[in-house]
């Protein structure tokens, strides 16, 4: 184990292979289906969420770890003399960051650095992996922390939902917008700015057409970007949509690695099936 430990909320949506290869430790958030509580990435799958919503008409509830849980998690490393750099989902989307920060302050010193990613899903994951790159390059914990803070607003965290049902039920979409989108087959591009989700552009038609327009718009909007890696992240999207996105990214961008990831249960709880995004760091 390295002297600097990179950790993250489960909302980073990184695959087991990436977590293992980069020695990233995960703090899972909780998902409640009725009176049962599950741990994201451990004992619940997105299919469980789709079934629950179909059967009950209700969204699952989600919860952040407590200050005490974060403190125990951090101390499992700091008690061994390690320094922790922890990444949270955007503080405007969850209370996780505040709880993690409080836990770090209880531990004291400069032993735990807590990063509000201003992102979610693999937008958060991109910062986590960038921290791993910097650790591998021999940077100190303080240097890594300052660098990832400077990159937060350069992360393109955007996606296209197939339906606004989950956003509507979660209070992130008005009744008018939901029914208008349903009738007119509108698929908005949801983006993040300063940690806040907002609709950036509207596409009309089938998802294949919308995904093509979305990726072409990304190409035009981001002529300069970090070519290290890109994520095509989706919530159990149709295979043809995923292949379309990966092929377009391969053709139109020049990333060294294009990684496909499936969103975890926390993100799925708020966006629904067939949501897809292309995420990377711009320059």
C-alpha atoms as a PDB file:
ATOM      1  CA  UNK A   1       0.000   0.000   0.000  1.00  0.00           C
ATOM      2  CA  UNK A   2       1.335   3.410  -0.935  1.00  0.00           C
ATOM      3  CA  UNK A   3       1.869   6.180   1.642  1.00  0.00           C
ATOM      4  CA  UNK A   4      -0.854   8.209  -0.088  1.00  0.00           C
ATOM      5  CA  UNK A   5      -4.217   6.466  -0.221  1.00  0.00           C
ATOM      6  CA  UNK A   6      -6.770   7.592  -2.815  1.00  0.00           C
ATOM      7  CA  UNK A   7     -10.359   6.993  -1.693  1.00  0.00           C
ATOM      8  CA  UNK A   8     -13.772   7.942  -3.027  1.00  0.00           C
ATOM      9  CA  UNK A   9     -17.492   7.739  -2.496  1.00  0.00           C
ATOM     10  CA  UNK A  10     -19.044   4.897  -4.515  1.00  0.00           C
ATOM     11  CA  UNK A  11     -20.618   7.567  -6.739  1.00  0.00           C
ATOM     12  CA  UNK A  12     -17.403   7.730  -8.812  1.00  0.00           C
ATOM     13  CA  UNK A  13     -18.765   4.702 -10.739  1.00  0.00           C
ATOM     14  CA  UNK A  14     -15.318   3.224 -11.432  1.00  0.00           C
ATOM     15  CA  UNK A  15     -15.193  -0.456 -12.332  1.00  0.00           C
ATOM     16  CA  UNK A  16     -13.738  -3.070  -9.999  1.00  0.00           C
ATOM     17  CA  UNK A  17     -10.811  -3.505 -12.398  1.00  0.00           C
ATOM     18  CA  UNK A  18      -9.961   0.211 -12.271  1.00  0.00           C
ATOM     19  CA  UNK A  19     -10.328   0.320  -8.496  1.00  0.00           C
ATOM     20  CA  UNK A  20      -8.068  -2.695  -8.066  1.00  0.00           C
ATOM     21  CA  UNK A  21      -5.432  -1.606 -10.584  1.00  0.00           C
ATOM     22  CA  UNK A  22      -5.153   1.846  -8.996  1.00  0.00           C
ATOM     23  CA  UNK A  23      -5.540   0.758  -5.356  1.00  0.00           C
ATOM     24  CA  UNK A  24      -8.575   2.983  -4.795  1.00  0.00           C
ATOM     25  CA  UNK A  25     -10.653   2.389  -1.657  1.00  0.00           C
ATOM     26  CA  UNK A  26     -14.395   3.040  -1.772  1.00  0.00           C
ATOM     27  CA  UNK A  27     -16.866   4.365   0.786  1.00  0.00           C
ATOM     28  CA  UNK A  28     -20.315   3.137  -0.305  1.00  0.00           C
ATOM     29  CA  UNK A  29     -23.422   5.289  -0.050  1.00  0.00           C
ATOM     30  CA  UNK A  30     -26.734   3.675   0.895  1.00  0.00           C
ATOM     31  CA  UNK A  31     -29.830   2.946  -1.177  1.00  0.00           C
ATOM     32  CA  UNK A  32     -33.168   2.298   0.526  1.00  0.00           C
ATOM     33  CA  UNK A  33     -35.842   0.245  -1.228  1.00  0.00           C
ATOM     34  CA  UNK A  34     -38.835   0.409   1.070  1.00  0.00           C
ATOM     35  CA  UNK A  35     -37.702  -0.720   4.511  1.00  0.00           C
ATOM     36  CA  UNK A  36     -34.503  -2.404   3.294  1.00  0.00           C
ATOM     37  CA  UNK A  37     -31.129  -0.679   3.072  1.00  0.00           C
ATOM     38  CA  UNK A  38     -28.382  -1.669   0.647  1.00  0.00           C
ATOM     39  CA  UNK A  39     -24.815  -0.538   0.017  1.00  0.00           C
ATOM     40  CA  UNK A  40     -24.083   0.933  -3.407  1.00  0.00           C
ATOM     41  CA  UNK A  41     -21.799  -1.329  -5.410  1.00  0.00           C
ATOM     42  CA  UNK A  42     -21.978  -4.141  -2.866  1.00  0.00           C
ATOM     43  CA  UNK A  43     -25.398  -5.753  -2.529  1.00  0.00           C
ATOM     44  CA  UNK A  44     -27.673  -3.915  -4.960  1.00  0.00           C
ATOM     45  CA  UNK A  45     -27.805  -3.736  -8.734  1.00  0.00           C
ATOM     46  CA  UNK A  46     -29.418  -1.144 -11.064  1.00  0.00           C
ATOM     47  CA  UNK A  47     -31.892  -3.841 -12.144  1.00  0.00           C
ATOM     48  CA  UNK A  48     -33.185  -3.920  -8.548  1.00  0.00           C
ATOM     49  CA  UNK A  49     -33.910  -0.204  -8.801  1.00  0.00           C
ATOM     50  CA  UNK A  50     -35.713  -0.455 -12.137  1.00  0.00           C
ATOM     51  CA  UNK A  51     -37.890  -3.248 -10.757  1.00  0.00           C
ATOM     52  CA  UNK A  52     -38.642  -1.290  -7.573  1.00  0.00           C
ATOM     53  CA  UNK A  53     -39.695   1.832  -9.495  1.00  0.00           C
ATOM     54  CA  UNK A  54     -41.824  -0.227 -11.911  1.00  0.00           C
ATOM     55  CA  UNK A  55     -43.580  -2.035  -9.061  1.00  0.00           C
ATOM     56  CA  UNK A  56     -44.079   0.849  -6.616  1.00  0.00           C
ATOM     57  CA  UNK A  57     -43.996   4.001  -8.759  1.00  0.00           C
ATOM     58  CA  UNK A  58     -41.605   5.457  -6.200  1.00  0.00           C
ATOM     59  CA  UNK A  59     -37.913   6.298  -6.395  1.00  0.00           C
ATOM     60  CA  UNK A  60     -35.467   4.691  -3.985  1.00  0.00           C
ATOM     61  CA  UNK A  61     -34.096   6.878  -1.222  1.00  0.00           C
ATOM     62  CA  UNK A  62     -30.359   7.419  -0.974  1.00  0.00           C
ATOM     63  CA  UNK A  63     -28.211   8.359   2.000  1.00  0.00           C
ATOM     64  CA  UNK A  64     -24.666   9.488   2.671  1.00  0.00           C
ATOM     65  CA  UNK A  65     -22.423   7.793   5.257  1.00  0.00           C
ATOM     66  CA  UNK A  66     -22.411   9.436   8.683  1.00  0.00           C
ATOM     67  CA  UNK A  67     -19.517  11.442  10.111  1.00  0.00           C
ATOM     68  CA  UNK A  68     -18.724   8.449  12.322  1.00  0.00           C
ATOM     69  CA  UNK A  69     -18.628   6.079   9.349  1.00  0.00           C
ATOM     70  CA  UNK A  70     -16.295   8.388   7.445  1.00  0.00           C
ATOM     71  CA  UNK A  71     -14.068   8.757  10.494  1.00  0.00           C
ATOM     72  CA  UNK A  72     -13.734   4.980  10.902  1.00  0.00           C
ATOM     73  CA  UNK A  73     -13.029   4.648   7.175  1.00  0.00           C
ATOM     74  CA  UNK A  74     -10.315   7.320   7.222  1.00  0.00           C
ATOM     75  CA  UNK A  75      -8.735   6.053  10.437  1.00  0.00           C
ATOM     76  CA  UNK A  76      -8.314   2.585   8.908  1.00  0.00           C
ATOM     77  CA  UNK A  77      -5.598   4.260   6.820  1.00  0.00           C
ATOM     78  CA  UNK A  78      -4.332   7.125   8.973  1.00  0.00           C
ATOM     79  CA  UNK A  79      -3.752   4.795  11.932  1.00  0.00           C
ATOM     80  CA  UNK A  80      -1.228   3.030   9.687  1.00  0.00           C
ATOM     81  CA  UNK A  81       0.547   6.302   8.947  1.00  0.00           C
ATOM     82  CA  UNK A  82      -1.078   6.868   5.569  1.00  0.00           C
ATOM     83  CA  UNK A  83      -2.310  10.169   4.144  1.00  0.00           C
ATOM     84  CA  UNK A  84      -5.786  10.043   2.578  1.00  0.00           C
ATOM     85  CA  UNK A  85      -7.145  12.005  -0.379  1.00  0.00           C
ATOM     86  CA  UNK A  86     -10.894  11.423  -0.509  1.00  0.00           C
ATOM     87  CA  UNK A  87     -13.300  12.386  -3.299  1.00  0.00           C
ATOM     88  CA  UNK A  88     -16.972  13.163  -2.701  1.00  0.00           C
ATOM     89  CA  UNK A  89     -19.899  13.533  -5.062  1.00  0.00           C
ATOM     90  CA  UNK A  90     -20.752  17.230  -5.561  1.00  0.00           C
ATOM     91  CA  UNK A  91     -21.797  18.888  -2.313  1.00  0.00           C
ATOM     92  CA  UNK A  92     -24.807  20.312  -4.182  1.00  0.00           C
ATOM     93  CA  UNK A  93     -26.055  16.778  -4.847  1.00  0.00           C
ATOM     94  CA  UNK A  94     -25.421  15.128  -1.471  1.00  0.00           C
ATOM     95  CA  UNK A  95     -24.430  15.795   2.127  1.00  0.00           C
ATOM     96  CA  UNK A  96     -21.484  13.422   1.770  1.00  0.00           C
ATOM     97  CA  UNK A  97     -18.846  16.136   1.454  1.00  0.00           C
ATOM     98  CA  UNK A  98     -19.905  17.906   4.629  1.00  0.00           C
ATOM     99  CA  UNK A  99     -19.856  14.673   6.621  1.00  0.00           C
ATOM    100  CA  UNK A 100     -16.476  13.608   5.220  1.00  0.00           C
ATOM    101  CA  UNK A 101     -15.015  17.041   5.924  1.00  0.00           C
ATOM    102  CA  UNK A 102     -16.254  16.918   9.511  1.00  0.00           C
ATOM    103  CA  UNK A 103     -14.663  13.484   9.943  1.00  0.00           C
ATOM    104  CA  UNK A 104     -11.352  14.732   8.539  1.00  0.00           C
ATOM    105  CA  UNK A 105     -11.390  17.648  10.975  1.00  0.00           C
ATOM    106  CA  UNK A 106     -11.933  15.259  13.877  1.00  0.00           C
ATOM    107  CA  UNK A 107      -8.844  13.316  12.816  1.00  0.00           C
ATOM    108  CA  UNK A 108      -6.909  16.575  12.510  1.00  0.00           C
ATOM    109  CA  UNK A 109      -3.560  17.487  11.041  1.00  0.00           C
ATOM    110  CA  UNK A 110      -2.969  17.124   7.315  1.00  0.00           C
ATOM    111  CA  UNK A 111      -3.758  13.440   7.255  1.00  0.00           C
ATOM    112  CA  UNK A 112      -7.011  13.591   5.280  1.00  0.00           C
ATOM    113  CA  UNK A 113      -7.672  15.836   2.282  1.00  0.00           C
ATOM    114  CA  UNK A 114     -11.332  15.944   1.286  1.00  0.00           C
ATOM    115  CA  UNK A 115     -12.253  16.964  -2.277  1.00  0.00           C
ATOM    116  CA  UNK A 116     -15.684  18.224  -3.302  1.00  0.00           C
ATOM    117  CA  UNK A 117     -15.520  16.908  -6.875  1.00  0.00           C
ATOM    118  CA  UNK A 118     -18.220  19.309  -8.158  1.00  0.00           C
ATOM    119  CA  UNK A 119     -19.201  16.266 -10.233  1.00  0.00           C
ATOM    120  CA  UNK A 120     -20.794  12.853 -10.060  1.00  0.00           C
ATOM    121  CA  UNK A 121     -20.392   9.450 -11.668  1.00  0.00           C
ATOM    122  CA  UNK A 122     -17.258   9.194 -13.805  1.00  0.00           C
ATOM    123  CA  UNK A 123     -16.889  12.976 -13.815  1.00  0.00           C
ATOM    124  CA  UNK A 124     -15.876  12.364 -10.217  1.00  0.00           C
ATOM    125  CA  UNK A 125     -14.033   9.232 -11.343  1.00  0.00           C
ATOM    126  CA  UNK A 126     -11.876  11.226 -13.760  1.00  0.00           C
ATOM    127  CA  UNK A 127     -10.559  13.318 -10.874  1.00  0.00           C
ATOM    128  CA  UNK A 128      -9.954  10.198  -8.807  1.00  0.00           C
ATOM    129  CA  UNK A 129      -7.883   8.637 -11.589  1.00  0.00           C
ATOM    130  CA  UNK A 130      -6.018  11.918 -12.186  1.00  0.00           C
ATOM    131  CA  UNK A 131      -5.034  11.839  -8.508  1.00  0.00           C
ATOM    132  CA  UNK A 132      -3.746   8.298  -9.032  1.00  0.00           C
ATOM    133  CA  UNK A 133      -1.712   9.484 -12.039  1.00  0.00           C
ATOM    134  CA  UNK A 134      -0.172  12.254  -9.935  1.00  0.00           C
ATOM    135  CA  UNK A 135       0.567   9.866  -7.079  1.00  0.00           C
ATOM    136  CA  UNK A 136       2.319   7.568  -9.537  1.00  0.00           C
ATOM    137  CA  UNK A 137       4.352  10.560 -10.749  1.00  0.00           C
ATOM    138  CA  UNK A 138       5.620  11.097  -7.209  1.00  0.00           C
ATOM    139  CA  UNK A 139       3.613  14.188  -6.280  1.00  0.00           C
ATOM    140  CA  UNK A 140       2.905  14.940  -2.632  1.00  0.00           C
ATOM    141  CA  UNK A 141      -0.577  14.764  -1.138  1.00  0.00           C
ATOM    142  CA  UNK A 142      -0.762  18.566  -0.983  1.00  0.00           C
ATOM    143  CA  UNK A 143       0.296  18.872  -4.641  1.00  0.00           C
ATOM    144  CA  UNK A 144      -2.265  16.287  -5.722  1.00  0.00           C
ATOM    145  CA  UNK A 145      -5.004  18.027  -3.735  1.00  0.00           C
ATOM    146  CA  UNK A 146      -4.285  21.454  -5.232  1.00  0.00           C
ATOM    147  CA  UNK A 147      -4.052  20.062  -8.770  1.00  0.00           C
ATOM    148  CA  UNK A 148      -7.370  18.222  -8.657  1.00  0.00           C
ATOM    149  CA  UNK A 149      -9.073  21.293  -7.191  1.00  0.00           C
ATOM    150  CA  UNK A 150      -7.823  23.298 -10.179  1.00  0.00           C
ATOM    151  CA  UNK A 151      -9.243  20.717 -12.591  1.00  0.00           C
ATOM    152  CA  UNK A 152     -12.773  20.453 -11.198  1.00  0.00           C
ATOM    153  CA  UNK A 153     -14.384  22.995 -13.516  1.00  0.00           C
ATOM    154  CA  UNK A 154     -12.616  21.466 -16.524  1.00  0.00           C
ATOM    155  CA  UNK A 155     -14.380  18.132 -16.186  1.00  0.00           C
ATOM    156  CA  UNK A 156     -17.154  17.627 -18.720  1.00  0.00           C
ATOM    157  CA  UNK A 157     -19.847  15.872 -16.694  1.00  0.00           C
ATOM    158  CA  UNK A 158     -22.806  15.607 -19.053  1.00  0.00           C
ATOM    159  CA  UNK A 159     -25.341  13.003 -20.068  1.00  0.00           C
ATOM    160  CA  UNK A 160     -28.520  12.378 -22.052  1.00  0.00           C
ATOM    161  CA  UNK A 161     -31.432  10.667 -20.242  1.00  0.00           C
ATOM    162  CA  UNK A 162     -33.848   8.544 -22.245  1.00  0.00           C
ATOM    163  CA  UNK A 163     -36.683   9.555 -19.920  1.00  0.00           C
ATOM    164  CA  UNK A 164     -37.180  12.399 -17.462  1.00  0.00           C
ATOM    165  CA  UNK A 165     -39.310  10.193 -15.213  1.00  0.00           C
ATOM    166  CA  UNK A 166     -36.628   9.681 -12.566  1.00  0.00           C
ATOM    167  CA  UNK A 167     -35.564  13.333 -12.588  1.00  0.00           C
ATOM    168  CA  UNK A 168     -39.236  14.317 -12.365  1.00  0.00           C
ATOM    169  CA  UNK A 169     -39.977  11.981  -9.453  1.00  0.00           C
ATOM    170  CA  UNK A 170     -36.813  13.233  -7.743  1.00  0.00           C
ATOM    171  CA  UNK A 171     -37.942  16.844  -7.974  1.00  0.00           C
ATOM    172  CA  UNK A 172     -35.238  17.821 -10.475  1.00  0.00           C
ATOM    173  CA  UNK A 173     -37.649  18.333 -13.363  1.00  0.00           C
ATOM    174  CA  UNK A 174     -40.973  20.206 -13.518  1.00  0.00           C
ATOM    175  CA  UNK A 175     -44.280  18.557 -14.408  1.00  0.00           C
ATOM    176  CA  UNK A 176     -44.482  20.671 -17.568  1.00  0.00           C
ATOM    177  CA  UNK A 177     -40.981  19.708 -18.684  1.00  0.00           C
ATOM    178  CA  UNK A 178     -41.586  16.029 -17.992  1.00  0.00           C
ATOM    179  CA  UNK A 179     -44.834  15.732 -19.930  1.00  0.00           C
ATOM    180  CA  UNK A 180     -43.606  18.040 -22.692  1.00  0.00           C
ATOM    181  CA  UNK A 181     -40.512  15.904 -23.179  1.00  0.00           C
ATOM    182  CA  UNK A 182     -42.593  12.727 -23.154  1.00  0.00           C
ATOM    183  CA  UNK A 183     -45.006  13.979 -25.820  1.00  0.00           C
ATOM    184  CA  UNK A 184     -42.420  15.642 -28.049  1.00  0.00           C
ATOM    185  CA  UNK A 185     -39.667  13.032 -27.581  1.00  0.00           C
ATOM    186  CA  UNK A 186     -37.270  15.603 -26.123  1.00  0.00           C
ATOM    187  CA  UNK A 187     -34.012  14.404 -24.609  1.00  0.00           C
ATOM    188  CA  UNK A 188     -32.121  17.177 -22.806  1.00  0.00           C
ATOM    189  CA  UNK A 189     -28.394  17.311 -22.379  1.00  0.00           C
ATOM    190  CA  UNK A 190     -27.870  17.531 -18.615  1.00  0.00           C
ATOM    191  CA  UNK A 191     -24.600  19.233 -17.683  1.00  0.00           C
ATOM    192  CA  UNK A 192     -22.857  20.216 -14.466  1.00  0.00           C
ATOM    193  CA  UNK A 193     -21.573  23.701 -13.710  1.00  0.00           C
ATOM    194  CA  UNK A 194     -19.972  24.498 -10.369  1.00  0.00           C
ATOM    195  CA  UNK A 195     -21.362  21.246  -9.011  1.00  0.00           C
ATOM    196  CA  UNK A 196     -24.962  21.909 -10.033  1.00  0.00           C
ATOM    197  CA  UNK A 197     -26.996  19.943 -12.611  1.00  0.00           C
ATOM    198  CA  UNK A 198     -28.809  21.965 -15.256  1.00  0.00           C
ATOM    199  CA  UNK A 199     -30.308  21.377 -18.735  1.00  0.00           C
ATOM    200  CA  UNK A 200     -27.892  22.760 -21.313  1.00  0.00           C
ATOM    201  CA  UNK A 201     -29.513  21.825 -24.625  1.00  0.00           C
ATOM    202  CA  UNK A 202     -32.529  19.924 -25.952  1.00  0.00           C
ATOM    203  CA  UNK A 203     -32.448  17.210 -28.597  1.00  0.00           C
ATOM    204  CA  UNK A 204     -35.536  15.836 -30.316  1.00  0.00           C
ATOM    205  CA  UNK A 205     -36.101  12.365 -31.719  1.00  0.00           C
ATOM    206  CA  UNK A 206     -34.899   8.846 -31.084  1.00  0.00           C
ATOM    207  CA  UNK A 207     -32.004   8.309 -28.695  1.00  0.00           C
ATOM    208  CA  UNK A 208     -29.661   7.275 -31.508  1.00  0.00           C
ATOM    209  CA  UNK A 209     -30.202  10.608 -33.236  1.00  0.00           C
ATOM    210  CA  UNK A 210     -29.818  12.506 -29.972  1.00  0.00           C
ATOM    211  CA  UNK A 211     -26.581  10.719 -29.061  1.00  0.00           C
ATOM    212  CA  UNK A 212     -25.101  11.574 -32.462  1.00  0.00           C
ATOM    213  CA  UNK A 213     -25.987  15.248 -32.035  1.00  0.00           C
ATOM    214  CA  UNK A 214     -24.728  15.265 -28.444  1.00  0.00           C
ATOM    215  CA  UNK A 215     -21.301  13.864 -29.322  1.00  0.00           C
ATOM    216  CA  UNK A 216     -20.929  16.165 -32.314  1.00  0.00           C
ATOM    217  CA  UNK A 217     -21.709  19.095 -30.013  1.00  0.00           C
ATOM    218  CA  UNK A 218     -19.040  17.912 -27.569  1.00  0.00           C
ATOM    219  CA  UNK A 219     -16.491  17.815 -30.381  1.00  0.00           C
ATOM    220  CA  UNK A 220     -17.333  21.412 -31.319  1.00  0.00           C
ATOM    221  CA  UNK A 221     -17.391  22.640 -27.706  1.00  0.00           C
ATOM    222  CA  UNK A 222     -14.112  21.029 -26.609  1.00  0.00           C
ATOM    223  CA  UNK A 223     -11.417  21.316 -29.306  1.00  0.00           C
ATOM    224  CA  UNK A 224      -8.723  20.993 -26.621  1.00  0.00           C
ATOM    225  CA  UNK A 225      -8.884  18.261 -24.010  1.00  0.00           C
ATOM    226  CA  UNK A 226      -6.814  15.934 -21.857  1.00  0.00           C
ATOM    227  CA  UNK A 227      -6.261  12.924 -24.097  1.00  0.00           C
ATOM    228  CA  UNK A 228      -5.383  10.539 -21.268  1.00  0.00           C
ATOM    229  CA  UNK A 229      -8.803   8.923 -20.967  1.00  0.00           C
ATOM    230  CA  UNK A 230     -12.504   9.256 -21.642  1.00  0.00           C
ATOM    231  CA  UNK A 231     -15.517   7.513 -20.162  1.00  0.00           C
ATOM    232  CA  UNK A 232     -18.622   6.364 -21.969  1.00  0.00           C
ATOM    233  CA  UNK A 233     -20.844   5.875 -18.953  1.00  0.00           C
ATOM    234  CA  UNK A 234     -24.406   4.583 -19.043  1.00  0.00           C
ATOM    235  CA  UNK A 235     -27.168   3.134 -16.887  1.00  0.00           C
ATOM    236  CA  UNK A 236     -27.759  -0.211 -18.577  1.00  0.00           C
ATOM    237  CA  UNK A 237     -28.242   1.496 -21.943  1.00  0.00           C
ATOM    238  CA  UNK A 238     -29.180  -0.411 -25.074  1.00  0.00           C
ATOM    239  CA  UNK A 239     -26.049  -2.047 -26.552  1.00  0.00           C
ATOM    240  CA  UNK A 240     -26.498  -0.265 -29.894  1.00  0.00           C
ATOM    241  CA  UNK A 241     -26.469   3.125 -28.139  1.00  0.00           C
ATOM    242  CA  UNK A 242     -23.293   2.261 -26.276  1.00  0.00           C
ATOM    243  CA  UNK A 243     -21.554   1.037 -29.425  1.00  0.00           C
ATOM    244  CA  UNK A 244     -22.666   4.118 -31.348  1.00  0.00           C
ATOM    245  CA  UNK A 245     -21.201   6.387 -28.664  1.00  0.00           C
ATOM    246  CA  UNK A 246     -17.929   4.465 -28.383  1.00  0.00           C
ATOM    247  CA  UNK A 247     -17.453   4.369 -32.156  1.00  0.00           C
ATOM    248  CA  UNK A 248     -18.125   8.096 -32.527  1.00  0.00           C
ATOM    249  CA  UNK A 249     -15.749   8.978 -29.696  1.00  0.00           C
ATOM    250  CA  UNK A 250     -13.098   6.744 -31.254  1.00  0.00           C
ATOM    251  CA  UNK A 251     -13.544   8.443 -34.627  1.00  0.00           C
ATOM    252  CA  UNK A 252     -13.935  12.072 -33.578  1.00  0.00           C
ATOM    253  CA  UNK A 253     -11.643  12.364 -30.545  1.00  0.00           C
ATOM    254  CA  UNK A 254      -8.065  11.271 -29.902  1.00  0.00           C
ATOM    255  CA  UNK A 255      -8.197   9.728 -26.444  1.00  0.00           C
ATOM    256  CA  UNK A 256      -5.517   7.243 -25.448  1.00  0.00           C
ATOM    257  CA  UNK A 257      -8.118   5.106 -23.682  1.00  0.00           C
ATOM    258  CA  UNK A 258     -11.910   4.963 -24.010  1.00  0.00           C
ATOM    259  CA  UNK A 259     -13.463   3.258 -21.001  1.00  0.00           C
ATOM    260  CA  UNK A 260     -17.008   1.956 -20.818  1.00  0.00           C
ATOM    261  CA  UNK A 261     -18.582   1.986 -17.369  1.00  0.00           C
ATOM    262  CA  UNK A 262     -22.041   1.239 -16.023  1.00  0.00           C
ATOM    263  CA  UNK A 263     -23.444   3.739 -13.511  1.00  0.00           C
ATOM    264  CA  UNK A 264     -23.919   2.472  -9.982  1.00  0.00           C
ATOM    265  CA  UNK A 265     -27.114   2.350  -7.983  1.00  0.00           C
ATOM    266  CA  UNK A 266     -26.908   5.874  -6.535  1.00  0.00           C
ATOM    267  CA  UNK A 267     -26.613   7.536  -9.938  1.00  0.00           C
ATOM    268  CA  UNK A 268     -29.151   5.156 -11.494  1.00  0.00           C
ATOM    269  CA  UNK A 269     -31.647   6.080  -8.768  1.00  0.00           C
ATOM    270  CA  UNK A 270     -31.711   9.634 -10.084  1.00  0.00           C
ATOM    271  CA  UNK A 271     -31.418   9.230 -13.860  1.00  0.00           C
ATOM    272  CA  UNK A 272     -33.072   5.937 -14.867  1.00  0.00           C
ATOM    273  CA  UNK A 273     -32.279   3.318 -17.464  1.00  0.00           C
ATOM    274  CA  UNK A 274     -30.740   4.117 -20.860  1.00  0.00           C
ATOM    275  CA  UNK A 275     -29.018   7.331 -19.741  1.00  0.00           C
ATOM    276  CA  UNK A 276     -25.650   7.817 -21.455  1.00  0.00           C
ATOM    277  CA  UNK A 277     -22.832  10.324 -21.151  1.00  0.00           C
ATOM    278  CA  UNK A 278     -19.359  10.966 -22.569  1.00  0.00           C
ATOM    279  CA  UNK A 279     -17.109  12.371 -19.855  1.00  0.00           C
ATOM    280  CA  UNK A 280     -13.548  13.724 -19.995  1.00  0.00           C
ATOM    281  CA  UNK A 281     -11.324  16.555 -18.802  1.00  0.00           C
ATOM    282  CA  UNK A 282     -10.952  19.602 -21.034  1.00  0.00           C
ATOM    283  CA  UNK A 283      -7.932  21.910 -21.184  1.00  0.00           C
END
